[in-house]
C-alpha cells in the first residue's frame, strides 16, 4: 500500500508542476525570459530524470543511450516536433544497440 501511495503522490507533484504554470496569470507580468523558463521547467525536470537512466540502463552499451539522447536533443533543438525527436532518438538507440 505504501508504494501505491508514493506513486500517487509523485504523480500529483509531477502533474502540478506541469499544470500550475499554465494557469498562473502572474506569468503574463513577468519578463519574457523568466516566463519562458517557468513554462519550460516541467520539461527540464523530466529531462533530469531521464538522462541518468539513458546512461545506466544499457550497461556496457551506455553509448547507445547517450547517442539516442544526443540525436533527440539535436532534433528538438532544430525545432522538430516532439514525436519526430522521440522517434529519431529511439531509432538511433536501436541502431547503436545493434552494432
Protein backbone atom coordinates (compact mmCIF):
# COMPACT_ATOMS: atom_id res chain seq x y z
CA UNK A 1 0.00 0.00 0.00
CA UNK A 2 2.84 2.39 0.76
CA UNK A 3 4.27 2.01 -2.75
CA UNK A 4 0.92 2.84 -4.33
CA UNK A 5 0.59 5.95 -2.15
CA UNK A 6 4.12 7.01 -3.05
CA UNK A 7 3.41 6.58 -6.77
CA UNK A 8 0.19 8.59 -6.47
CA UNK A 9 1.93 11.40 -4.58
CA UNK A 10 4.77 11.51 -7.13
CA UNK A 11 2.27 11.67 -9.97
CA UNK A 12 0.38 14.51 -8.29
CA UNK A 13 3.58 16.52 -7.84
CA UNK A 14 4.52 15.92 -11.47
CA UNK A 15 1.07 16.92 -12.73
CA UNK A 16 1.03 20.01 -10.53
CA UNK A 17 4.38 21.20 -11.88
CA UNK A 18 3.03 20.84 -15.40
CA UNK A 19 -0.44 22.31 -14.86
CA UNK A 20 0.14 25.21 -12.46
CA UNK A 21 2.37 27.32 -14.78
CA UNK A 22 -0.32 27.19 -17.46
CA UNK A 23 -2.93 28.79 -15.20
CA UNK A 24 -0.95 31.38 -13.27
CA UNK A 25 -1.93 34.80 -14.55
CA UNK A 26 1.10 36.38 -12.86
CA UNK A 27 3.26 34.78 -15.58
CA UNK A 28 1.94 37.38 -18.01
CA UNK A 29 3.56 40.17 -15.99
CA UNK A 30 6.97 38.52 -15.74
CA UNK A 31 9.81 39.36 -18.11
CA UNK A 32 9.79 37.20 -21.23
CA UNK A 33 12.90 35.11 -20.35
CA UNK A 34 11.53 34.32 -16.88
CA UNK A 35 8.13 33.40 -18.31
CA UNK A 36 9.72 31.07 -20.84
CA UNK A 37 11.86 29.46 -18.13
CA UNK A 38 8.79 28.86 -15.96
CA UNK A 39 6.94 27.22 -18.84
CA UNK A 40 9.94 25.01 -19.66
CA UNK A 41 10.51 23.95 -16.06
CA UNK A 42 8.45 20.72 -16.26
CA UNK A 43 10.34 19.62 -19.36
CA UNK A 44 13.68 20.35 -17.71
CA UNK A 45 12.68 18.35 -14.64
CA UNK A 46 11.66 15.41 -16.79
CA UNK A 47 14.96 15.58 -18.66
CA UNK A 48 16.92 15.46 -15.42
CA UNK A 49 15.08 12.28 -14.51
CA UNK A 50 15.55 10.57 -17.88
CA UNK A 51 19.17 11.43 -18.68
CA UNK A 52 20.85 9.36 -15.92
CA UNK A 53 18.77 6.34 -16.92
CA UNK A 54 19.81 6.73 -20.54
CA UNK A 55 23.43 6.30 -19.47
CA UNK A 56 22.99 3.49 -16.96
CA UNK A 57 20.16 1.38 -18.35
CA UNK A 58 22.12 -0.24 -21.17
CA UNK A 59 25.06 -1.46 -19.06
CA UNK A 60 28.15 -1.92 -21.18
CA UNK A 61 26.43 -0.30 -24.18
CA UNK A 62 25.96 3.05 -22.43
CA UNK A 63 26.84 4.83 -25.67
CA UNK A 64 23.53 3.70 -27.20
CA UNK A 65 21.50 5.66 -24.65
CA UNK A 66 23.77 8.68 -24.95
CA UNK A 67 23.53 8.58 -28.76
CA UNK A 68 19.74 8.46 -28.61
CA UNK A 69 19.63 11.41 -26.21
CA UNK A 70 22.01 13.44 -28.38
CA UNK A 71 20.01 12.75 -31.57
CA UNK A 72 16.72 13.61 -29.82
CA UNK A 73 18.30 16.81 -28.45
CA UNK A 74 19.51 17.86 -31.90
CA UNK A 75 16.11 17.15 -33.45
CA UNK A 76 14.39 19.13 -30.69
CA UNK A 77 16.88 21.97 -31.00
CA UNK A 78 16.15 22.17 -34.73
CA UNK A 79 12.51 22.72 -33.69
CA UNK A 80 11.23 19.38 -34.97
CA UNK A 81 8.02 18.15 -33.45
CA UNK A 82 8.28 16.19 -30.21
CA UNK A 83 7.17 13.00 -31.96
CA UNK A 84 9.94 13.33 -34.56
CA UNK A 85 12.56 13.90 -31.85
CA UNK A 86 11.37 10.86 -29.86
CA UNK A 87 11.24 8.58 -32.89
CA UNK A 88 14.69 9.68 -34.07
CA UNK A 89 16.09 9.11 -30.58
CA UNK A 90 14.57 5.63 -30.45
CA UNK A 91 15.87 4.72 -33.89
CA UNK A 92 19.36 5.98 -33.02
CA UNK A 93 19.36 3.99 -29.78
CA UNK A 94 18.22 0.81 -31.53
CA UNK A 95 20.81 1.20 -34.27
CA UNK A 96 23.59 1.73 -31.74
CA UNK A 97 22.42 -1.31 -29.76
CA UNK A 98 22.53 -3.41 -32.93
CA UNK A 99 26.21 -2.54 -33.51
